[in-house]
Amino acid sequence: MAEALRGYALIVSMWIRSTMAYRASFAMTAIGNFAATALDFVVILLMFSQIDRLGGFTLPEVALLYGTTGTSMGLADLALGSMERLGRRIRDGTLDTLLVRPLPVLAQVAADQFALRRIGRVAQGLLVLGWALTRLDIAWTPLKAALLPLGVLSGAGIFAAVFIAGAAFQFWAGDASEVQNAFTYGGNTVLQYPPTVFAKDLVRGVTFVVPLAFVNWMPVLHILGRPDPLGLPGWADFAPPLVAAASCALAGALWRTALRSYRSTGS
């Protein structure tokens, strides 16, 4: 693990130095990334220009959902977003060059072409999150105050596990980047809205099948003092760190299995 993190940090630092050699270009792309992701929240603002509540949630409450999942997704996307390119490496055989290097393949794939511009998504999520917190009248307790940052970091871990699992699936599918995006970027879009606007089957699916509900629905519902639509026990609101750890462990096992099954193109 230490070797993988060190290798990842070295590759990332190389890409950051390359990016900062053209600072004006980096600033423009980061601002563009910020603006592109902000359009999702503009859609929410347009909806609330016509309604007072969405699924029983006010605009600041929806903004809290949006900010938490946006920040979590932004952190995971910043760290592992490059893994969606793995399918291309498998098809053209360039993955072989990573196999012969003295670094874990996962660290190399994750850090390959590290895009610092993706920090715009993180900044935009934090901005909406901060605005929501200033508008909400929450009865804060030490437990709730700790649950918010812990939930955001755990959510990033859950999204990271989905990125890794999606990349592992590409070893068998050849190119499944769009399938992976359906669970990462698509899951982020679902979590921006209250669970009360979705059918119970979908809520069960993102809770028990792909545990995206633990990214923000469970901790945020506890912070807001709202009931869980599935009627789960109260301790489930504090389960995101455990879910993140279990998800990462399963994704790691899937990655190792997929990597052992890899057969070179021979080119």
C-alpha atoms as a PDB file:
ATOM      1  CA  MET A   1       0.000   0.000   0.000  1.00  0.00           C
ATOM      2  CA  ALA A   2       2.795   2.421   0.910  1.00  0.00           C
ATOM      3  CA  GLU A   3       4.557   1.665  -2.370  1.00  0.00           C
ATOM      4  CA  ALA A   4       1.351   2.217  -4.337  1.00  0.00           C
ATOM      5  CA  LEU A   5       0.649   5.558  -2.649  1.00  0.00           C
ATOM      6  CA  ARG A   6       4.226   6.707  -3.180  1.00  0.00           C
ATOM      7  CA  GLY A   7       4.123   5.761  -6.841  1.00  0.00           C
ATOM      8  CA  TYR A   8       0.745   7.431  -7.278  1.00  0.00           C
ATOM      9  CA  ALA A   9       2.011  10.632  -5.631  1.00  0.00           C
ATOM     10  CA  LEU A  10       5.117  10.737  -7.844  1.00  0.00           C
ATOM     11  CA  ILE A  11       3.124  10.323 -11.060  1.00  0.00           C
ATOM     12  CA  VAL A  12       0.526  12.876  -9.948  1.00  0.00           C
ATOM     13  CA  SER A  13       3.208  15.404  -9.065  1.00  0.00           C
ATOM     14  CA  MET A  14       4.708  14.960 -12.530  1.00  0.00           C
ATOM     15  CA  TRP A  15       1.363  15.704 -14.193  1.00  0.00           C
ATOM     16  CA  ILE A  16       0.754  18.692 -11.911  1.00  0.00           C
ATOM     17  CA  ARG A  17       4.135  20.178 -12.837  1.00  0.00           C
ATOM     18  CA  SER A  18       3.272  19.639 -16.492  1.00  0.00           C
ATOM     19  CA  THR A  19      -0.111  21.310 -16.022  1.00  0.00           C
ATOM     20  CA  MET A  20       1.248  24.316 -14.145  1.00  0.00           C
ATOM     21  CA  ALA A  21       3.714  24.998 -16.943  1.00  0.00           C
ATOM     22  CA  TYR A  22       0.695  26.509 -18.732  1.00  0.00           C
ATOM     23  CA  ARG A  23      -1.082  28.268 -15.900  1.00  0.00           C
ATOM     24  CA  ALA A  24      -3.443  30.329 -18.015  1.00  0.00           C
ATOM     25  CA  SER A  25      -4.623  27.191 -19.785  1.00  0.00           C
ATOM     26  CA  PHE A  26      -5.097  25.443 -16.427  1.00  0.00           C
ATOM     27  CA  ALA A  27      -7.091  28.372 -15.037  1.00  0.00           C
ATOM     28  CA  MET A  28      -9.400  28.444 -18.051  1.00  0.00           C
ATOM     29  CA  THR A  29     -10.027  24.680 -18.029  1.00  0.00           C
ATOM     30  CA  ALA A  30     -10.611  24.657 -14.264  1.00  0.00           C
ATOM     31  CA  ILE A  31     -13.106  27.519 -14.584  1.00  0.00           C
ATOM     32  CA  GLY A  32     -14.755  25.693 -17.467  1.00  0.00           C
ATOM     33  CA  ASN A  33     -15.051  22.553 -15.359  1.00  0.00           C
ATOM     34  CA  PHE A  34     -16.529  24.635 -12.524  1.00  0.00           C
ATOM     35  CA  ALA A  35     -19.071  26.237 -14.863  1.00  0.00           C
ATOM     36  CA  ALA A  36     -20.043  22.969 -16.534  1.00  0.00           C
ATOM     37  CA  THR A  37     -20.807  21.254 -13.227  1.00  0.00           C
ATOM     38  CA  ALA A  38     -22.592  24.370 -11.933  1.00  0.00           C
ATOM     39  CA  LEU A  39     -25.226  23.935 -14.647  1.00  0.00           C
ATOM     40  CA  ASP A  40     -26.668  21.007 -12.658  1.00  0.00           C
ATOM     41  CA  PHE A  41     -27.390  23.350  -9.762  1.00  0.00           C
ATOM     42  CA  VAL A  42     -28.791  25.967 -12.133  1.00  0.00           C
ATOM     43  CA  VAL A  43     -31.377  23.364 -13.166  1.00  0.00           C
ATOM     44  CA  ILE A  44     -32.337  22.937  -9.515  1.00  0.00           C
ATOM     45  CA  LEU A  45     -32.618  26.701  -9.083  1.00  0.00           C
ATOM     46  CA  LEU A  46     -34.896  26.881 -12.122  1.00  0.00           C
ATOM     47  CA  MET A  47     -37.141  24.188 -10.674  1.00  0.00           C
ATOM     48  CA  PHE A  48     -37.404  26.032  -7.374  1.00  0.00           C
ATOM     49  CA  SER A  49     -38.340  29.201  -9.198  1.00  0.00           C
ATOM     50  CA  GLN A  50     -41.641  27.423  -9.866  1.00  0.00           C
ATOM     51  CA  ILE A  51     -42.047  25.337  -6.685  1.00  0.00           C
ATOM     52  CA  ASP A  52     -41.436  25.764  -2.968  1.00  0.00           C
ATOM     53  CA  ARG A  53     -40.545  22.161  -2.153  1.00  0.00           C
ATOM     54  CA  LEU A  54     -39.286  19.109  -4.029  1.00  0.00           C
ATOM     55  CA  GLY A  55     -40.301  15.827  -2.467  1.00  0.00           C
ATOM     56  CA  GLY A  56     -40.893  17.723   0.767  1.00  0.00           C
ATOM     57  CA  PHE A  57     -37.407  19.286   0.743  1.00  0.00           C
ATOM     58  CA  THR A  58     -36.677  23.012   0.556  1.00  0.00           C
ATOM     59  CA  LEU A  59     -34.041  24.539  -1.699  1.00  0.00           C
ATOM     60  CA  PRO A  60     -31.353  24.762   1.043  1.00  0.00           C
ATOM     61  CA  GLU A  61     -31.997  21.119   1.967  1.00  0.00           C
ATOM     62  CA  VAL A  62     -31.628  20.014  -1.654  1.00  0.00           C
ATOM     63  CA  ALA A  63     -28.529  22.201  -1.884  1.00  0.00           C
ATOM     64  CA  LEU A  64     -27.089  20.305   1.090  1.00  0.00           C
ATOM     65  CA  LEU A  65     -27.664  17.036  -0.760  1.00  0.00           C
ATOM     66  CA  TYR A  66     -26.156  18.530  -3.899  1.00  0.00           C
ATOM     67  CA  GLY A  67     -23.116  19.952  -2.129  1.00  0.00           C
ATOM     68  CA  THR A  68     -22.246  16.790  -0.227  1.00  0.00           C
ATOM     69  CA  THR A  69     -22.486  14.421  -3.183  1.00  0.00           C
ATOM     70  CA  GLY A  70     -20.837  16.946  -5.510  1.00  0.00           C
ATOM     71  CA  THR A  71     -17.851  17.299  -3.195  1.00  0.00           C
ATOM     72  CA  SER A  72     -17.540  13.543  -2.678  1.00  0.00           C
ATOM     73  CA  MET A  73     -17.801  12.849  -6.384  1.00  0.00           C
ATOM     74  CA  GLY A  74     -15.350  15.656  -7.149  1.00  0.00           C
ATOM     75  CA  LEU A  75     -12.717  14.211  -4.819  1.00  0.00           C
ATOM     76  CA  ALA A  76     -13.077  10.717  -6.290  1.00  0.00           C
ATOM     77  CA  ASP A  77     -13.102  12.067  -9.840  1.00  0.00           C
ATOM     78  CA  LEU A  78      -9.981  14.119  -9.163  1.00  0.00           C
ATOM     79  CA  ALA A  79      -8.118  11.129  -7.755  1.00  0.00           C
ATOM     80  CA  LEU A  80      -9.394   8.313 -10.008  1.00  0.00           C
ATOM     81  CA  GLY A  81     -11.269   9.854 -12.923  1.00  0.00           C
ATOM     82  CA  SER A  82      -8.539   8.803 -15.365  1.00  0.00           C
ATOM     83  CA  MET A  83      -9.421   5.139 -14.840  1.00  0.00           C
ATOM     84  CA  GLU A  84     -12.227   5.398 -17.376  1.00  0.00           C
ATOM     85  CA  ARG A  85      -9.502   5.379 -20.069  1.00  0.00           C
ATOM     86  CA  LEU A  86      -8.432   1.853 -19.126  1.00  0.00           C
ATOM     87  CA  GLY A  87     -10.572   0.278 -21.851  1.00  0.00           C
ATOM     88  CA  ARG A  88      -8.561   2.102 -24.514  1.00  0.00           C
ATOM     89  CA  ARG A  89      -5.283   0.835 -23.050  1.00  0.00           C
ATOM     90  CA  ILE A  90      -6.609  -2.723 -23.023  1.00  0.00           C
ATOM     91  CA  ARG A  91      -7.702  -2.521 -26.659  1.00  0.00           C
ATOM     92  CA  ASP A  92      -4.501  -1.001 -28.041  1.00  0.00           C
ATOM     93  CA  GLY A  93      -2.151  -3.049 -25.853  1.00  0.00           C
ATOM     94  CA  THR A  94      -0.488  -0.109 -24.090  1.00  0.00           C
ATOM     95  CA  LEU A  95      -1.474  -1.590 -20.726  1.00  0.00           C
ATOM     96  CA  ASP A  96       1.465  -3.963 -21.208  1.00  0.00           C
ATOM     97  CA  THR A  97       3.884  -1.094 -20.624  1.00  0.00           C
ATOM     98  CA  LEU A  98       2.412  -0.587 -17.157  1.00  0.00           C
ATOM     99  CA  LEU A  99       2.776  -4.263 -16.271  1.00  0.00           C
ATOM    100  CA  VAL A 100       6.555  -4.220 -16.613  1.00  0.00           C
ATOM    101  CA  ARG A 101       7.097  -1.142 -14.451  1.00  0.00           C
ATOM    102  CA  PRO A 102       8.052  -1.603 -10.775  1.00  0.00           C
ATOM    103  CA  LEU A 103       4.846   0.008  -9.529  1.00  0.00           C
ATOM    104  CA  PRO A 104       1.341  -1.370  -8.845  1.00  0.00           C
ATOM    105  CA  VAL A 105      -0.758  -1.162 -12.000  1.00  0.00           C
ATOM    106  CA  LEU A 106      -3.717   0.348 -10.148  1.00  0.00           C
ATOM    107  CA  ALA A 107      -1.627   3.301  -8.963  1.00  0.00           C
ATOM    108  CA  GLN A 108      -0.307   3.886 -12.483  1.00  0.00           C
ATOM    109  CA  VAL A 109      -3.735   3.722 -14.119  1.00  0.00           C
ATOM    110  CA  ALA A 110      -5.292   5.993 -11.492  1.00  0.00           C
ATOM    111  CA  ALA A 111      -2.572   8.638 -11.805  1.00  0.00           C
ATOM    112  CA  ASP A 112      -2.194   8.457 -15.584  1.00  0.00           C
ATOM    113  CA  GLN A 113      -2.937  11.851 -17.186  1.00  0.00           C
ATOM    114  CA  PHE A 114      -3.992  13.291 -13.814  1.00  0.00           C
ATOM    115  CA  ALA A 115      -6.292  16.235 -14.600  1.00  0.00           C
ATOM    116  CA  LEU A 116      -5.918  18.971 -11.985  1.00  0.00           C
ATOM    117  CA  ARG A 117      -8.677  20.930 -13.748  1.00  0.00           C
ATOM    118  CA  ARG A 118     -11.170  18.568 -12.098  1.00  0.00           C
ATOM    119  CA  ILE A 119     -10.639  20.521  -8.907  1.00  0.00           C
ATOM    120  CA  GLY A 120     -13.305  22.832 -10.328  1.00  0.00           C
ATOM    121  CA  ARG A 121     -15.948  20.193  -9.506  1.00  0.00           C
ATOM    122  CA  VAL A 122     -14.711  20.007  -5.915  1.00  0.00           C
ATOM    123  CA  ALA A 123     -14.755  23.797  -5.557  1.00  0.00           C
ATOM    124  CA  GLN A 124     -18.266  24.040  -6.971  1.00  0.00           C
ATOM    125  CA  GLY A 125     -19.576  21.339  -4.629  1.00  0.00           C
ATOM    126  CA  LEU A 126     -17.977  23.027  -1.615  1.00  0.00           C
ATOM    127  CA  LEU A 127     -19.428  26.386  -2.618  1.00  0.00           C
ATOM    128  CA  VAL A 128     -22.980  25.021  -2.776  1.00  0.00           C
ATOM    129  CA  LEU A 129     -22.419  23.083   0.452  1.00  0.00           C
ATOM    130  CA  GLY A 130     -21.268  26.230   2.249  1.00  0.00           C
ATOM    131  CA  TRP A 131     -24.252  28.203   0.949  1.00  0.00           C
ATOM    132  CA  ALA A 132     -26.665  25.500   2.118  1.00  0.00           C
ATOM    133  CA  LEU A 133     -25.178  25.431   5.608  1.00  0.00           C
ATOM    134  CA  THR A 134     -25.619  29.202   5.965  1.00  0.00           C
ATOM    135  CA  ARG A 135     -29.323  28.931   4.992  1.00  0.00           C
ATOM    136  CA  LEU A 136     -30.314  25.941   7.092  1.00  0.00           C
ATOM    137  CA  ASP A 137     -31.365  26.126  10.735  1.00  0.00           C
ATOM    138  CA  ILE A 138     -29.838  22.870  11.981  1.00  0.00           C
ATOM    139  CA  ALA A 139     -29.719  21.887  15.632  1.00  0.00           C
ATOM    140  CA  TRP A 140     -26.041  21.028  15.590  1.00  0.00           C
ATOM    141  CA  THR A 141     -24.570  18.485  17.961  1.00  0.00           C
ATOM    142  CA  PRO A 142     -20.967  17.254  18.107  1.00  0.00           C
ATOM    143  CA  LEU A 143     -22.136  14.032  16.424  1.00  0.00           C
ATOM    144  CA  LYS A 144     -23.812  15.855  13.537  1.00  0.00           C
ATOM    145  CA  ALA A 145     -20.839  18.177  13.138  1.00  0.00           C
ATOM    146  CA  ALA A 146     -18.521  15.169  12.832  1.00  0.00           C
ATOM    147  CA  LEU A 147     -20.911  13.272  10.570  1.00  0.00           C
ATOM    148  CA  LEU A 148     -20.864  15.902   7.824  1.00  0.00           C
ATOM    149  CA  PRO A 149     -17.127  15.830   6.898  1.00  0.00           C
ATOM    150  CA  LEU A 150     -16.944  12.113   7.682  1.00  0.00           C
ATOM    151  CA  GLY A 151     -19.842  11.493   5.324  1.00  0.00           C
ATOM    152  CA  VAL A 152     -18.228  13.535   2.539  1.00  0.00           C
ATOM    153  CA  LEU A 153     -14.936  11.628   2.832  1.00  0.00           C
ATOM    154  CA  SER A 154     -16.741   8.286   3.069  1.00  0.00           C
ATOM    155  CA  GLY A 155     -18.783   9.232   0.007  1.00  0.00           C
ATOM    156  CA  ALA A 156     -15.557   9.892  -1.872  1.00  0.00           C
ATOM    157  CA  GLY A 157     -14.386   6.422  -0.854  1.00  0.00           C
ATOM    158  CA  ILE A 158     -17.609   4.838  -2.123  1.00  0.00           C
ATOM    159  CA  PHE A 159     -17.344   6.640  -5.453  1.00  0.00           C
ATOM    160  CA  ALA A 160     -13.670   5.608  -5.648  1.00  0.00           C
ATOM    161  CA  ALA A 161     -14.709   1.972  -5.195  1.00  0.00           C
ATOM    162  CA  VAL A 162     -17.206   2.336  -8.052  1.00  0.00           C
ATOM    163  CA  PHE A 163     -14.477   3.826 -10.273  1.00  0.00           C
ATOM    164  CA  ILE A 164     -12.180   0.885  -9.526  1.00  0.00           C
ATOM    165  CA  ALA A 165     -14.906  -1.733  -9.975  1.00  0.00           C
ATOM    166  CA  GLY A 166     -15.931  -0.132 -13.272  1.00  0.00           C
ATOM    167  CA  ALA A 167     -12.337  -0.150 -14.493  1.00  0.00           C
ATOM    168  CA  ALA A 168     -11.982  -3.813 -13.510  1.00  0.00           C
ATOM    169  CA  PHE A 169     -15.089  -4.678 -15.511  1.00  0.00           C
ATOM    170  CA  GLN A 170     -13.437  -3.244 -18.612  1.00  0.00           C
ATOM    171  CA  PHE A 171     -10.946  -6.127 -18.603  1.00  0.00           C
ATOM    172  CA  TRP A 172     -13.808  -8.400 -19.639  1.00  0.00           C
ATOM    173  CA  ALA A 173     -16.008  -5.936 -21.515  1.00  0.00           C
ATOM    174  CA  GLY A 174     -13.233  -4.313 -23.534  1.00  0.00           C
ATOM    175  CA  ASP A 175     -14.804  -0.876 -23.244  1.00  0.00           C
ATOM    176  CA  ALA A 176     -17.407  -0.226 -20.566  1.00  0.00           C
ATOM    177  CA  SER A 177     -16.605   3.384 -19.764  1.00  0.00           C
ATOM    178  CA  GLU A 178     -20.205   4.466 -20.391  1.00  0.00           C
ATOM    179  CA  VAL A 179     -21.487   1.732 -18.071  1.00  0.00           C
ATOM    180  CA  GLN A 180     -19.021   2.959 -15.454  1.00  0.00           C
ATOM    181  CA  ASN A 181     -20.166   6.550 -15.973  1.00  0.00           C
ATOM    182  CA  ALA A 182     -23.778   5.503 -15.399  1.00  0.00           C
ATOM    183  CA  PHE A 183     -22.894   4.534 -11.829  1.00  0.00           C
ATOM    184  CA  THR A 184     -20.421   7.355 -11.100  1.00  0.00           C
ATOM    185  CA  TYR A 185     -21.636  10.533 -12.802  1.00  0.00           C
ATOM    186  CA  GLY A 186     -25.167   9.130 -13.122  1.00  0.00           C
ATOM    187  CA  GLY A 187     -25.210   8.128  -9.467  1.00  0.00           C
ATOM    188  CA  ASN A 188     -24.000  11.586  -8.503  1.00  0.00           C
ATOM    189  CA  THR A 189     -26.946  13.115 -10.384  1.00  0.00           C
ATOM    190  CA  VAL A 190     -29.436  10.854  -8.605  1.00  0.00           C
ATOM    191  CA  LEU A 191     -28.019  11.744  -5.191  1.00  0.00           C
ATOM    192  CA  GLN A 192     -28.448  15.459  -5.857  1.00  0.00           C
ATOM    193  CA  TYR A 193     -32.196  15.022  -5.315  1.00  0.00           C
ATOM    194  CA  PRO A 194     -34.144  13.823  -2.276  1.00  0.00           C
ATOM    195  CA  PRO A 195     -34.838  10.082  -2.043  1.00  0.00           C
ATOM    196  CA  THR A 196     -38.544  10.883  -1.650  1.00  0.00           C
ATOM    197  CA  VAL A 197     -38.857  11.786  -5.350  1.00  0.00           C
ATOM    198  CA  PHE A 198     -37.773   8.319  -6.500  1.00  0.00           C
ATOM    199  CA  ALA A 199     -39.568   4.982  -6.528  1.00  0.00           C
ATOM    200  CA  LYS A 200     -38.842   2.702  -3.571  1.00  0.00           C
ATOM    201  CA  ASP A 201     -37.259   0.096  -5.856  1.00  0.00           C
ATOM    202  CA  LEU A 202     -34.659   2.579  -7.072  1.00  0.00           C
ATOM    203  CA  VAL A 203     -33.946   3.698  -3.503  1.00  0.00           C
ATOM    204  CA  ARG A 204     -33.484   0.063  -2.472  1.00  0.00           C
ATOM    205  CA  GLY A 205     -31.162  -0.485  -5.437  1.00  0.00           C
ATOM    206  CA  VAL A 206     -28.833   2.392  -4.543  1.00  0.00           C
ATOM    207  CA  THR A 207     -28.886   1.300  -0.917  1.00  0.00           C
ATOM    208  CA  PHE A 208     -28.419  -2.486  -1.033  1.00  0.00           C
ATOM    209  CA  VAL A 209     -27.026  -3.213  -4.535  1.00  0.00           C
ATOM    210  CA  VAL A 210     -24.732  -0.272  -5.301  1.00  0.00           C
ATOM    211  CA  PRO A 211     -24.566   1.503  -1.909  1.00  0.00           C
ATOM    212  CA  LEU A 212     -24.574   5.059  -3.230  1.00  0.00           C
ATOM    213  CA  ALA A 213     -27.256   6.075  -0.719  1.00  0.00           C
ATOM    214  CA  PHE A 214     -24.533   6.062   1.950  1.00  0.00           C
ATOM    215  CA  VAL A 215     -22.676   8.792   0.069  1.00  0.00           C
ATOM    216  CA  ASN A 216     -25.074  11.464   1.294  1.00  0.00           C
ATOM    217  CA  TRP A 217     -28.697  10.372   1.727  1.00  0.00           C
ATOM    218  CA  MET A 218     -28.174   8.527   5.003  1.00  0.00           C
ATOM    219  CA  PRO A 219     -25.929  11.056   6.811  1.00  0.00           C
ATOM    220  CA  VAL A 220     -27.760  14.125   5.468  1.00  0.00           C
ATOM    221  CA  LEU A 221     -31.179  12.774   6.477  1.00  0.00           C
ATOM    222  CA  HIS A 222     -29.834  12.359  10.010  1.00  0.00           C
ATOM    223  CA  ILE A 223     -28.382  15.887  10.022  1.00  0.00           C
ATOM    224  CA  LEU A 224     -31.700  17.312   8.815  1.00  0.00           C
ATOM    225  CA  GLY A 225     -33.688  15.201  11.285  1.00  0.00           C
ATOM    226  CA  ARG A 226     -35.697  13.530   8.519  1.00  0.00           C
ATOM    227  CA  PRO A 227     -36.852   9.895   8.505  1.00  0.00           C
ATOM    228  CA  ASP A 228     -35.257   7.309   6.254  1.00  0.00           C
ATOM    229  CA  PRO A 229     -37.739   6.337   3.477  1.00  0.00           C
ATOM    230  CA  LEU A 230     -36.750   2.663   3.812  1.00  0.00           C
ATOM    231  CA  GLY A 231     -37.125   2.610   7.586  1.00  0.00           C
ATOM    232  CA  LEU A 232     -33.570   1.412   8.250  1.00  0.00           C
ATOM    233  CA  PRO A 233     -32.305   1.334  11.855  1.00  0.00           C
ATOM    234  CA  GLY A 234     -30.775   4.514  13.234  1.00  0.00           C
ATOM    235  CA  TRP A 235     -27.222   3.172  13.221  1.00  0.00           C
ATOM    236  CA  ALA A 236     -27.335   2.998   9.406  1.00  0.00           C
ATOM    237  CA  ASP A 237     -26.942   6.791   9.318  1.00  0.00           C
ATOM    238  CA  PHE A 238     -23.432   6.336  10.740  1.00  0.00           C
ATOM    239  CA  ALA A 239     -22.477   3.422   8.499  1.00  0.00           C
ATOM    240  CA  PRO A 240     -20.874   5.348   5.568  1.00  0.00           C
ATOM    241  CA  PRO A 241     -17.262   4.769   6.766  1.00  0.00           C
ATOM    242  CA  LEU A 242     -17.914   1.025   7.091  1.00  0.00           C
ATOM    243  CA  VAL A 243     -19.680   0.916   3.737  1.00  0.00           C
ATOM    244  CA  ALA A 244     -16.797   2.810   2.122  1.00  0.00           C
ATOM    245  CA  ALA A 245     -14.216   0.411   3.608  1.00  0.00           C
ATOM    246  CA  ALA A 246     -16.196  -2.661   2.531  1.00  0.00           C
ATOM    247  CA  SER A 247     -16.785  -1.224  -0.952  1.00  0.00           C
ATOM    248  CA  CYS A 248     -13.088  -0.464  -1.438  1.00  0.00           C
ATOM    249  CA  ALA A 249     -12.133  -3.962  -0.244  1.00  0.00           C
ATOM    250  CA  LEU A 250     -14.562  -5.586  -2.690  1.00  0.00           C
ATOM    251  CA  ALA A 251     -13.434  -3.318  -5.528  1.00  0.00           C
ATOM    252  CA  GLY A 252      -9.797  -4.164  -4.768  1.00  0.00           C
ATOM    253  CA  ALA A 253     -10.529  -7.884  -4.874  1.00  0.00           C
ATOM    254  CA  LEU A 254     -12.382  -7.463  -8.169  1.00  0.00           C
ATOM    255  CA  TRP A 255      -9.457  -5.474  -9.598  1.00  0.00           C
ATOM    256  CA  ARG A 256      -6.933  -8.168  -8.667  1.00  0.00           C
ATOM    257  CA  THR A 257      -9.110 -10.866 -10.210  1.00  0.00           C
ATOM    258  CA  ALA A 258      -9.577  -8.854 -13.400  1.00  0.00           C
ATOM    259  CA  LEU A 259      -5.872  -8.060 -13.697  1.00  0.00           C
ATOM    260  CA  ARG A 260      -4.975 -11.760 -13.409  1.00  0.00           C
ATOM    261  CA  SER A 261      -7.392 -12.515 -16.235  1.00  0.00           C
ATOM    262  CA  TYR A 262      -5.801  -9.984 -18.594  1.00  0.00           C
ATOM    263  CA  ARG A 263      -4.454 -11.334 -21.873  1.00  0.00           C
ATOM    264  CA  SER A 264      -2.235  -9.062 -23.952  1.00  0.00           C
ATOM    265  CA  THR A 265      -3.195  -8.080 -27.476  1.00  0.00           C
ATOM    266  CA  GLY A 266       0.163  -9.454 -28.581  1.00  0.00           C
ATOM    267  CA  SER A 267       1.025  -6.261 -30.425  1.00  0.00           C
END
